[in-house]
Amino acid sequence: MSLTITQKTLSEIPLLKDVAPTILSEMVNRARVVELQAGEVLFRQDDPPDAFYLIEDGQLHIERHYETGEYRVLTTLGPYE
């Protein structure tokens, strides 16, 4: 699946509805598509923040991992959440 990121697409996302058009335009210019297979890791909890991610299709689990090896799913996000 291939996503075309546009300023209009971004402006229709509730989280971004009040972002200035110039900022949305810059986001579009810097955007890149990342496609993951089921079970693939996008980032780990201690990774430094370096990107803003939008989910076009599917779901992403946000997990908290503990030193004991246990983990807990904190939430599951879907498209444009």
C-alpha atoms as a PDB file:
ATOM      1  CA  MET A   1       0.000   0.000   0.000  1.00  0.00           C
ATOM      2  CA  SER A   2       1.425   3.387  -0.912  1.00  0.00           C
ATOM      3  CA  LEU A   3       0.474   6.577   0.870  1.00  0.00           C
ATOM      4  CA  THR A   4       0.663  10.014  -0.676  1.00  0.00           C
ATOM      5  CA  ILE A   5       1.025  12.545   2.092  1.00  0.00           C
ATOM      6  CA  THR A   6      -0.530  15.910   1.300  1.00  0.00           C
ATOM      7  CA  GLN A   7      -1.148  19.083   3.246  1.00  0.00           C
ATOM      8  CA  LYS A   8      -4.895  18.445   2.874  1.00  0.00           C
ATOM      9  CA  THR A   9      -4.527  14.926   4.329  1.00  0.00           C
ATOM     10  CA  LEU A  10      -2.648  16.296   7.340  1.00  0.00           C
ATOM     11  CA  SER A  11      -5.080  19.187   7.905  1.00  0.00           C
ATOM     12  CA  GLU A  12      -7.986  16.726   8.140  1.00  0.00           C
ATOM     13  CA  ILE A  13      -6.407  14.854  11.065  1.00  0.00           C
ATOM     14  CA  PRO A  14      -7.968  16.131  14.321  1.00  0.00           C
ATOM     15  CA  LEU A  15      -4.594  16.345  16.088  1.00  0.00           C
ATOM     16  CA  LEU A  16      -3.269  18.634  13.330  1.00  0.00           C
ATOM     17  CA  LYS A  17      -6.374  20.678  12.500  1.00  0.00           C
ATOM     18  CA  ASP A  18      -5.032  23.875  14.128  1.00  0.00           C
ATOM     19  CA  VAL A  19      -1.478  23.615  12.760  1.00  0.00           C
ATOM     20  CA  ALA A  20      -0.481  26.486  10.474  1.00  0.00           C
ATOM     21  CA  PRO A  21      -0.419  25.701   6.744  1.00  0.00           C
ATOM     22  CA  THR A  22       3.289  26.586   6.541  1.00  0.00           C
ATOM     23  CA  ILE A  23       4.080  23.978   9.211  1.00  0.00           C
ATOM     24  CA  LEU A  24       1.905  21.363   7.469  1.00  0.00           C
ATOM     25  CA  SER A  25       3.710  22.119   4.223  1.00  0.00           C
ATOM     26  CA  GLU A  26       7.067  21.568   5.921  1.00  0.00           C
ATOM     27  CA  MET A  27       5.800  18.282   7.375  1.00  0.00           C
ATOM     28  CA  VAL A  28       4.791  17.143   3.878  1.00  0.00           C
ATOM     29  CA  ASN A  29       8.211  18.093   2.512  1.00  0.00           C
ATOM     30  CA  ARG A  30       9.987  16.037   5.186  1.00  0.00           C
ATOM     31  CA  ALA A  31       7.596  13.075   5.204  1.00  0.00           C
ATOM     32  CA  ARG A  32       8.583   9.587   4.206  1.00  0.00           C
ATOM     33  CA  VAL A  33       6.520   6.422   4.111  1.00  0.00           C
ATOM     34  CA  VAL A  34       7.471   3.511   6.359  1.00  0.00           C
ATOM     35  CA  GLU A  35       5.714   0.202   5.777  1.00  0.00           C
ATOM     36  CA  LEU A  36       5.836  -2.440   8.507  1.00  0.00           C
ATOM     37  CA  GLN A  37       4.922  -6.086   8.498  1.00  0.00           C
ATOM     38  CA  ALA A  38       2.867  -7.546  11.363  1.00  0.00           C
ATOM     39  CA  GLY A  39       5.059  -7.885  14.446  1.00  0.00           C
ATOM     40  CA  GLU A  40       7.766  -5.505  13.220  1.00  0.00           C
ATOM     41  CA  VAL A  41       9.037  -2.883  15.694  1.00  0.00           C
ATOM     42  CA  LEU A  42       8.780   0.768  14.672  1.00  0.00           C
ATOM     43  CA  PHE A  43      10.714   2.108  17.674  1.00  0.00           C
ATOM     44  CA  ARG A  44      11.603   1.052  21.211  1.00  0.00           C
ATOM     45  CA  GLN A  45      10.605   2.782  24.426  1.00  0.00           C
ATOM     46  CA  ASP A  46      14.077   4.226  25.143  1.00  0.00           C
ATOM     47  CA  ASP A  47      14.789   5.404  21.592  1.00  0.00           C
ATOM     48  CA  PRO A  48      15.258   9.176  21.329  1.00  0.00           C
ATOM     49  CA  PRO A  49      12.343  10.889  19.564  1.00  0.00           C
ATOM     50  CA  ASP A  50      13.276  11.587  15.968  1.00  0.00           C
ATOM     51  CA  ALA A  51      10.066  11.455  13.969  1.00  0.00           C
ATOM     52  CA  PHE A  52       6.306  11.961  13.897  1.00  0.00           C
ATOM     53  CA  TYR A  53       4.368   8.901  12.768  1.00  0.00           C
ATOM     54  CA  LEU A  54       0.902   8.589  11.237  1.00  0.00           C
ATOM     55  CA  ILE A  55      -0.833   5.266  10.809  1.00  0.00           C
ATOM     56  CA  GLU A  56      -2.609   5.023   7.462  1.00  0.00           C
ATOM     57  CA  ASP A  57      -3.846   1.461   7.760  1.00  0.00           C
ATOM     58  CA  GLY A  58      -3.755  -1.256  10.394  1.00  0.00           C
ATOM     59  CA  GLN A  59      -2.926  -1.010  14.066  1.00  0.00           C
ATOM     60  CA  LEU A  60       0.102  -0.266  16.206  1.00  0.00           C
ATOM     61  CA  HIS A  61       0.485  -1.506  19.782  1.00  0.00           C
ATOM     62  CA  ILE A  62       2.194   0.818  22.244  1.00  0.00           C
ATOM     63  CA  GLU A  63       3.907  -1.426  24.779  1.00  0.00           C
ATOM     64  CA  ARG A  64       5.775  -0.907  28.044  1.00  0.00           C
ATOM     65  CA  HIS A  65       8.589  -3.420  28.557  1.00  0.00           C
ATOM     66  CA  TYR A  66       9.975  -4.171  32.014  1.00  0.00           C
ATOM     67  CA  GLU A  67      13.384  -5.391  33.146  1.00  0.00           C
ATOM     68  CA  THR A  68      11.753  -8.674  34.185  1.00  0.00           C
ATOM     69  CA  GLY A  69      11.038  -9.408  30.527  1.00  0.00           C
ATOM     70  CA  GLU A  70       7.316  -8.835  30.988  1.00  0.00           C
ATOM     71  CA  TYR A  71       5.449  -6.253  28.972  1.00  0.00           C
ATOM     72  CA  ARG A  72       2.055  -4.584  28.904  1.00  0.00           C
ATOM     73  CA  VAL A  73       0.153  -3.200  25.938  1.00  0.00           C
ATOM     74  CA  LEU A  74      -0.690   0.368  26.976  1.00  0.00           C
ATOM     75  CA  THR A  75      -2.890   1.165  24.013  1.00  0.00           C
ATOM     76  CA  THR A  76      -3.543   0.215  20.420  1.00  0.00           C
ATOM     77  CA  LEU A  77      -3.654   2.954  17.794  1.00  0.00           C
ATOM     78  CA  GLY A  78      -5.370   2.856  14.424  1.00  0.00           C
ATOM     79  CA  PRO A  79      -5.466   5.096  11.357  1.00  0.00           C
ATOM     80  CA  TYR A  80      -4.736   8.770  12.065  1.00  0.00           C
ATOM     81  CA  GLU A  81      -4.867   8.417  15.845  1.00  0.00           C
END
